[in-house]
Amino acid sequence: MALASMTGFARTHGTAGPWNWAWELKSVNGKGLDLRLRLPVGWEAIEAPLRQSASRRLARGNVSANLTMARTDASVSVRVNEDLLQSVYAAVGRAAAAAGAPAPALDSLLGLKGVIEVAEPEESEAERRQIEQGLLVGFEAALDALIVMRNAEGASLNAVLSERLDAIERLTQAAEANPARRPEAIRAKLAEQVRVLLDANSNFDPDRLHQEAIMIASKVDVREELDRLVTHIAAARAMLSEGTPVGRRLDFLAQEFNRETNTLCSKANDVSLTAIGLELKSVVEQFREQVQNIE
């Protein structure tokens, strides 16, 4: 199974018995699977199997499924409800006479609800089940097309995410090799800061300053952050190669990437290391935004 996006569109159409039907499916990002069905009145019986089919084949996404239907035959019957028409005519006539108004025209009453009844021929139970089965098969075909589009989009996202991971790896290696994080560079910078403090105030205790310097040196070490970034990169690449719905896990991993880069920036003891950290934050944010589209 390929990496899939949550965005896609599909449309299928066909016939079932005396009906023309068309399915239109749209899918966008979502935290879970949310199927929103729009069915013509009278066809609600197929809702449950439709939801089962969608949940069996899709893991995440807000999916809108719209079914439109039209009869192919013209065998409809039109009947005038004469009893209702006469009753209405008599009542309106009495009201008109009482008001001194002319009697109503008969054709003006034909538009009243219930006066004209239009009836479509009813299918037998067996015919109804056969039509419903045709609609379900059509929905499966629409799902096939939607999944093809989501997979194609997923392949593109896979390439983009892989590029972002390559960039994160290059920047992590650059931070690893940055001269500012070498022990001698940290010691030299701290020693310079101590000298400045002693020159400004000779009352500072040199031993206490030395202890504080050791503590500060341990706080600015980004070894753990770099190691975790390397681990997260390997984990992300493994997920991209799984071919299963990994969007939720990748989203969590993106948050961990962001956490490590934030810590790296806060610990940076040199402007060059800070610059690498800020670039890392930018690439990690791009990675996180693209992950939001993954199923």
Protein backbone atom coordinates (compact mmCIF):
# COMPACT_ATOMS: atom_id res chain seq x y z
CA MET A 1 0.00 0.00 0.00
CA ALA A 2 1.42 3.39 -1.03
CA LEU A 3 1.58 6.50 1.11
CA ALA A 4 -1.73 8.29 0.63
CA SER A 5 -2.88 11.87 0.83
CA MET A 6 -6.22 12.81 2.35
CA THR A 7 -7.22 15.07 -0.54
CA GLY A 8 -8.90 13.79 -3.68
CA PHE A 9 -11.92 13.88 -5.96
CA ALA A 10 -13.82 11.23 -7.92
CA ARG A 11 -17.01 11.00 -9.97
CA THR A 12 -18.70 7.90 -11.39
CA HIS A 13 -22.05 7.39 -13.07
CA GLY A 14 -24.16 4.57 -14.44
CA THR A 15 -27.63 3.04 -14.54
CA ALA A 16 -29.52 0.73 -12.22
CA GLY A 17 -32.94 -0.43 -13.36
CA PRO A 18 -34.94 2.61 -14.53
CA TRP A 19 -32.51 5.03 -12.83
CA ASN A 20 -29.48 7.03 -13.93
CA TRP A 21 -27.18 7.65 -10.99
CA ALA A 22 -23.99 9.63 -10.32
CA TRP A 23 -21.65 9.54 -7.33
CA GLU A 24 -19.41 12.51 -6.53
CA LEU A 25 -16.78 12.12 -3.81
CA LYS A 26 -14.58 14.86 -2.34
CA SER A 27 -11.95 14.29 0.31
CA VAL A 28 -9.98 16.81 2.38
CA ASN A 29 -7.82 16.70 5.51
CA GLY A 30 -9.32 15.49 8.77
CA LYS A 31 -8.20 14.19 12.15
CA GLY A 32 -10.21 11.01 11.63
CA LEU A 33 -12.58 9.57 9.06
CA ASP A 34 -15.74 11.65 8.67
CA LEU A 35 -18.08 10.52 5.87
CA ARG A 36 -20.83 13.00 5.04
CA LEU A 37 -23.52 11.44 2.84
CA ARG A 38 -26.13 13.24 0.76
CA LEU A 39 -28.70 10.75 -0.49
CA PRO A 40 -31.99 11.34 -2.33
CA VAL A 41 -35.11 10.94 -0.21
CA GLY A 42 -36.17 7.32 -0.03
CA TRP A 43 -32.72 5.78 -0.42
CA GLU A 44 -31.57 5.95 3.19
CA ALA A 45 -31.42 2.14 3.43
CA ILE A 46 -28.00 2.09 1.74
CA GLU A 47 -26.38 4.46 4.25
CA ALA A 48 -25.10 1.77 6.63
CA PRO A 49 -23.33 -0.35 3.95
CA LEU A 50 -21.90 2.84 2.44
CA ARG A 51 -20.32 3.80 5.76
CA GLN A 52 -18.99 0.28 6.24
CA SER A 53 -17.40 0.35 2.80
CA ALA A 54 -15.77 3.73 3.38
CA SER A 55 -14.39 2.81 6.83
CA ARG A 56 -13.00 -0.43 5.43
CA ARG A 57 -10.99 1.34 2.73
CA LEU A 58 -10.18 4.79 4.15
CA ALA A 59 -8.41 5.59 7.41
CA ARG A 60 -8.65 9.39 7.62
CA GLY A 61 -10.15 12.40 5.87
CA ASN A 62 -13.33 14.44 5.67
CA VAL A 63 -15.17 12.77 2.79
CA SER A 64 -18.30 14.19 1.17
CA ALA A 65 -20.31 11.70 -0.91
CA ASN A 66 -23.20 13.03 -3.00
CA LEU A 67 -25.61 10.75 -4.90
CA THR A 68 -27.89 12.14 -7.62
CA MET A 69 -30.55 10.03 -9.36
CA ALA A 70 -32.98 10.51 -12.24
CA ARG A 71 -35.45 8.10 -13.81
CA THR A 72 -34.80 7.02 -17.38
CA ASP A 73 -38.45 6.18 -18.11
CA ALA A 74 -41.36 8.60 -18.43
CA SER A 75 -43.92 6.30 -16.94
CA VAL A 76 -45.32 8.66 -14.33
CA SER A 77 -49.00 9.05 -13.59
CA VAL A 78 -50.79 12.34 -12.97
CA ARG A 79 -54.08 12.36 -11.06
CA VAL A 80 -56.36 15.19 -10.04
CA ASN A 81 -57.76 14.78 -6.56
CA GLU A 82 -61.30 15.75 -7.57
CA ASP A 83 -62.78 15.49 -4.08
CA LEU A 84 -60.17 17.87 -2.69
CA LEU A 85 -60.54 20.21 -5.66
CA GLN A 86 -64.34 20.41 -5.26
CA SER A 87 -64.05 21.03 -1.53
CA VAL A 88 -61.52 23.80 -2.03
CA TYR A 89 -63.54 25.36 -4.86
CA ALA A 90 -66.71 25.36 -2.75
CA ALA A 91 -64.96 26.88 0.25
CA VAL A 92 -63.24 29.58 -1.78
CA GLY A 93 -66.51 30.28 -3.65
CA ARG A 94 -68.38 30.85 -0.39
CA ALA A 95 -65.67 33.17 0.84
CA ALA A 96 -65.70 35.09 -2.43
CA ALA A 97 -69.51 35.44 -2.36
CA ALA A 98 -69.43 36.72 1.21
CA ALA A 99 -66.85 39.30 0.20
CA GLY A 100 -68.68 40.27 -2.96
CA ALA A 101 -65.79 39.03 -5.08
CA PRO A 102 -66.02 36.95 -8.26
CA ALA A 103 -65.79 33.19 -7.99
CA PRO A 104 -62.28 31.79 -8.34
CA ALA A 105 -61.05 30.39 -11.65
CA LEU A 106 -60.68 26.64 -11.52
CA ASP A 107 -57.16 26.61 -12.94
CA SER A 108 -55.99 28.90 -10.17
CA LEU A 109 -56.65 26.12 -7.66
CA LEU A 110 -54.68 23.41 -9.47
CA GLY A 111 -51.41 24.63 -7.99
CA LEU A 112 -52.56 23.98 -4.42
CA LYS A 113 -50.72 21.22 -2.64
CA GLY A 114 -52.44 17.86 -2.98
CA VAL A 115 -54.81 18.84 -5.78
CA ILE A 116 -52.57 17.32 -8.47
CA GLU A 117 -50.77 14.12 -7.50
CA VAL A 118 -47.79 12.90 -9.49
CA ALA A 119 -46.83 9.30 -8.82
CA GLU A 120 -43.83 7.37 -10.09
CA PRO A 121 -44.17 3.63 -10.59
CA GLU A 122 -42.99 1.67 -7.59
CA GLU A 123 -40.41 -1.08 -7.86
CA SER A 124 -40.91 -4.49 -6.36
CA GLU A 125 -38.87 -5.45 -3.32
CA ALA A 126 -36.53 -7.52 -5.50
CA GLU A 127 -36.11 -4.68 -8.00
CA ARG A 128 -35.42 -2.25 -5.17
CA ARG A 129 -32.68 -4.49 -3.74
CA GLN A 130 -31.14 -4.85 -7.19
CA ILE A 131 -31.06 -1.07 -7.69
CA GLU A 132 -29.54 -0.57 -4.23
CA GLN A 133 -26.86 -3.13 -5.06
CA GLY A 134 -26.06 -1.22 -8.23
CA LEU A 135 -25.67 1.98 -6.23
CA LEU A 136 -23.31 0.25 -3.80
CA VAL A 137 -21.20 -1.09 -6.67
CA GLY A 138 -21.08 2.43 -8.11
CA PHE A 139 -19.94 3.79 -4.74
CA GLU A 140 -17.13 1.21 -4.63
CA ALA A 141 -16.03 2.33 -8.09
CA ALA A 142 -16.01 5.94 -6.92
CA LEU A 143 -13.93 4.92 -3.91
CA ASP A 144 -11.48 3.17 -6.26
CA ALA A 145 -11.04 6.37 -8.25
CA LEU A 146 -10.73 8.48 -5.10
CA ILE A 147 -8.06 6.17 -3.67
CA VAL A 148 -6.10 6.27 -6.94
CA MET A 149 -6.04 10.06 -6.76
CA ARG A 150 -5.13 10.07 -3.06
CA ASN A 151 -2.29 7.62 -3.72
CA ALA A 152 -0.96 9.74 -6.59
CA GLU A 153 -1.00 12.78 -4.33
CA GLY A 154 0.63 10.68 -1.61
CA ALA A 155 3.50 9.76 -3.93
CA SER A 156 4.16 13.45 -4.54
CA LEU A 157 4.02 14.17 -0.81
CA ASN A 158 6.43 11.31 -0.16
CA ALA A 159 8.98 12.96 -2.43
CA VAL A 160 8.47 16.36 -0.77
CA LEU A 161 8.78 14.93 2.76
CA SER A 162 11.91 13.00 1.79
CA GLU A 163 13.46 16.24 0.53
CA ARG A 164 12.60 17.95 3.82
CA LEU A 165 14.16 15.09 5.78
CA ASP A 166 17.31 15.36 3.67
CA ALA A 167 17.45 19.08 4.49
CA ILE A 168 16.94 18.38 8.21
CA GLU A 169 19.74 15.81 8.08
CA ARG A 170 22.14 18.22 6.32
CA LEU A 171 21.44 20.93 8.87
CA THR A 172 21.84 18.49 11.76
CA GLN A 173 25.23 17.47 10.35
CA ALA A 174 26.13 21.14 9.95
CA ALA A 175 25.27 21.75 13.61
CA GLU A 176 27.32 18.69 14.56
CA ALA A 177 30.35 20.04 12.70
CA ASN A 178 29.90 23.66 13.79
CA PRO A 179 33.14 24.89 15.45
CA ALA A 180 31.15 26.79 18.08
CA ARG A 181 30.03 23.57 19.78
CA ARG A 182 33.53 22.18 20.27
CA PRO A 183 34.53 21.98 23.95
CA GLU A 184 37.55 24.25 23.47
CA ALA A 185 35.37 26.90 21.80
CA ILE A 186 32.85 26.78 24.64
CA ARG A 187 35.64 26.99 27.24
CA ALA A 188 37.28 29.92 25.48
CA LYS A 189 34.02 31.84 25.27
CA LEU A 190 33.19 31.19 28.91
CA ALA A 191 36.72 32.17 29.97
CA GLU A 192 36.36 35.43 28.11
CA GLN A 193 33.05 36.11 29.87
CA VAL A 194 34.67 35.36 33.24
CA ARG A 195 37.53 37.75 32.49
CA VAL A 196 35.06 40.49 31.61
CA LEU A 197 33.20 39.96 34.88
CA LEU A 198 36.41 39.98 36.95
CA ASP A 199 37.61 43.14 35.24
CA ALA A 200 34.30 44.82 36.05
CA ASN A 201 34.20 43.67 39.68
CA SER A 202 37.19 42.21 41.48
CA ASN A 203 35.03 41.00 44.38
CA PHE A 204 33.78 37.97 42.40
CA ASP A 205 34.93 34.66 43.87
CA PRO A 206 37.01 32.97 41.13
CA ASP A 207 36.17 29.47 42.41
CA ARG A 208 32.46 30.20 42.36
CA LEU A 209 32.79 31.63 38.88
CA HIS A 210 34.58 28.48 37.77
CA GLN A 211 31.74 26.30 39.11
CA GLU A 212 29.15 28.46 37.39
CA ALA A 213 31.11 28.25 34.16
CA ILE A 214 31.09 24.45 34.33
CA MET A 215 27.31 24.45 34.85
CA ILE A 216 26.76 26.84 31.95
CA ALA A 217 28.98 24.71 29.71
CA SER A 218 26.84 21.66 30.43
CA LYS A 219 23.66 23.59 29.66
CA VAL A 220 24.84 24.78 26.25
CA ASP A 221 25.83 21.30 25.10
CA VAL A 222 23.44 20.26 22.28
CA ARG A 223 24.71 16.68 22.02
CA GLU A 224 21.39 15.16 23.18
CA GLU A 225 19.33 17.29 20.80
CA LEU A 226 21.47 16.33 17.82
CA ASP A 227 21.32 12.65 18.72
CA ARG A 228 17.53 12.78 19.00
CA LEU A 229 17.25 14.58 15.66
CA VAL A 230 19.25 11.80 14.02
CA THR A 231 16.94 9.22 15.62
CA HIS A 232 13.80 11.09 14.50
CA ILE A 233 15.09 11.33 10.92
CA ALA A 234 15.59 7.56 10.78
CA ALA A 235 12.14 6.96 12.29
CA ALA A 236 10.46 9.30 9.79
CA ARG A 237 12.13 7.61 6.84
CA ALA A 238 11.04 4.21 8.12
CA MET A 239 7.44 5.43 8.38
CA LEU A 240 7.48 6.82 4.84
CA SER A 241 8.57 3.42 3.57
CA GLU A 242 5.88 1.48 5.47
CA GLY A 243 3.10 2.16 2.97
CA THR A 244 0.45 2.24 5.71
CA PRO A 245 -1.55 5.16 7.14
CA VAL A 246 1.15 6.94 9.17
CA GLY A 247 -0.17 10.51 9.20
CA ARG A 248 -0.86 10.62 12.94
CA ARG A 249 2.55 9.22 13.86
CA LEU A 250 4.33 11.54 11.46
CA ASP A 251 2.46 14.48 12.96
CA PHE A 252 3.65 13.50 16.44
CA LEU A 253 7.21 13.08 15.12
CA ALA A 254 7.03 16.55 13.53
CA GLN A 255 6.21 17.96 16.97
CA GLU A 256 9.29 16.19 18.38
CA PHE A 257 11.44 17.65 15.58
CA ASN A 258 10.15 21.08 16.52
CA ARG A 259 10.86 20.52 20.22
CA GLU A 260 14.49 19.54 19.58
CA THR A 261 15.14 22.47 17.24
CA ASN A 262 13.66 24.90 19.76
CA THR A 263 15.96 23.54 22.46
CA LEU A 264 18.94 23.68 20.13
CA CYS A 265 18.25 27.35 19.42
CA SER A 266 17.87 28.17 23.11
CA LYS A 267 21.17 26.43 23.94
CA ALA A 268 23.16 27.86 21.02
CA ASN A 269 26.23 29.73 22.27
CA ASP A 270 27.17 31.25 18.93
CA VAL A 271 25.38 33.18 16.20
CA SER A 272 26.41 30.61 13.58
CA LEU A 273 24.80 27.76 15.54
CA THR A 274 21.71 29.88 16.13
CA ALA A 275 21.45 30.47 12.37
CA ILE A 276 21.52 26.71 11.76
CA GLY A 277 18.86 26.21 14.42
CA LEU A 278 16.58 28.85 12.88
CA GLU A 279 16.94 27.28 9.44
CA LEU A 280 16.13 23.92 11.00
CA LYS A 281 12.97 25.39 12.50
CA SER A 282 11.90 26.63 9.06
CA VAL A 283 12.43 23.25 7.39
CA VAL A 284 10.75 21.39 10.26
CA GLU A 285 7.71 23.66 9.93
CA GLN A 286 7.55 22.91 6.21
CA PHE A 287 7.74 19.21 7.04
CA ARG A 288 4.95 19.54 9.60
CA GLU A 289 2.66 21.40 7.19
CA GLN A 290 3.01 18.69 4.54
CA VAL A 291 2.44 15.94 7.10
CA GLN A 292 -1.02 17.38 7.75
CA ASN A 293 -2.05 16.07 4.32
CA ILE A 294 -0.99 12.46 4.96
CA GLU A 295 -3.63 9.81 5.69
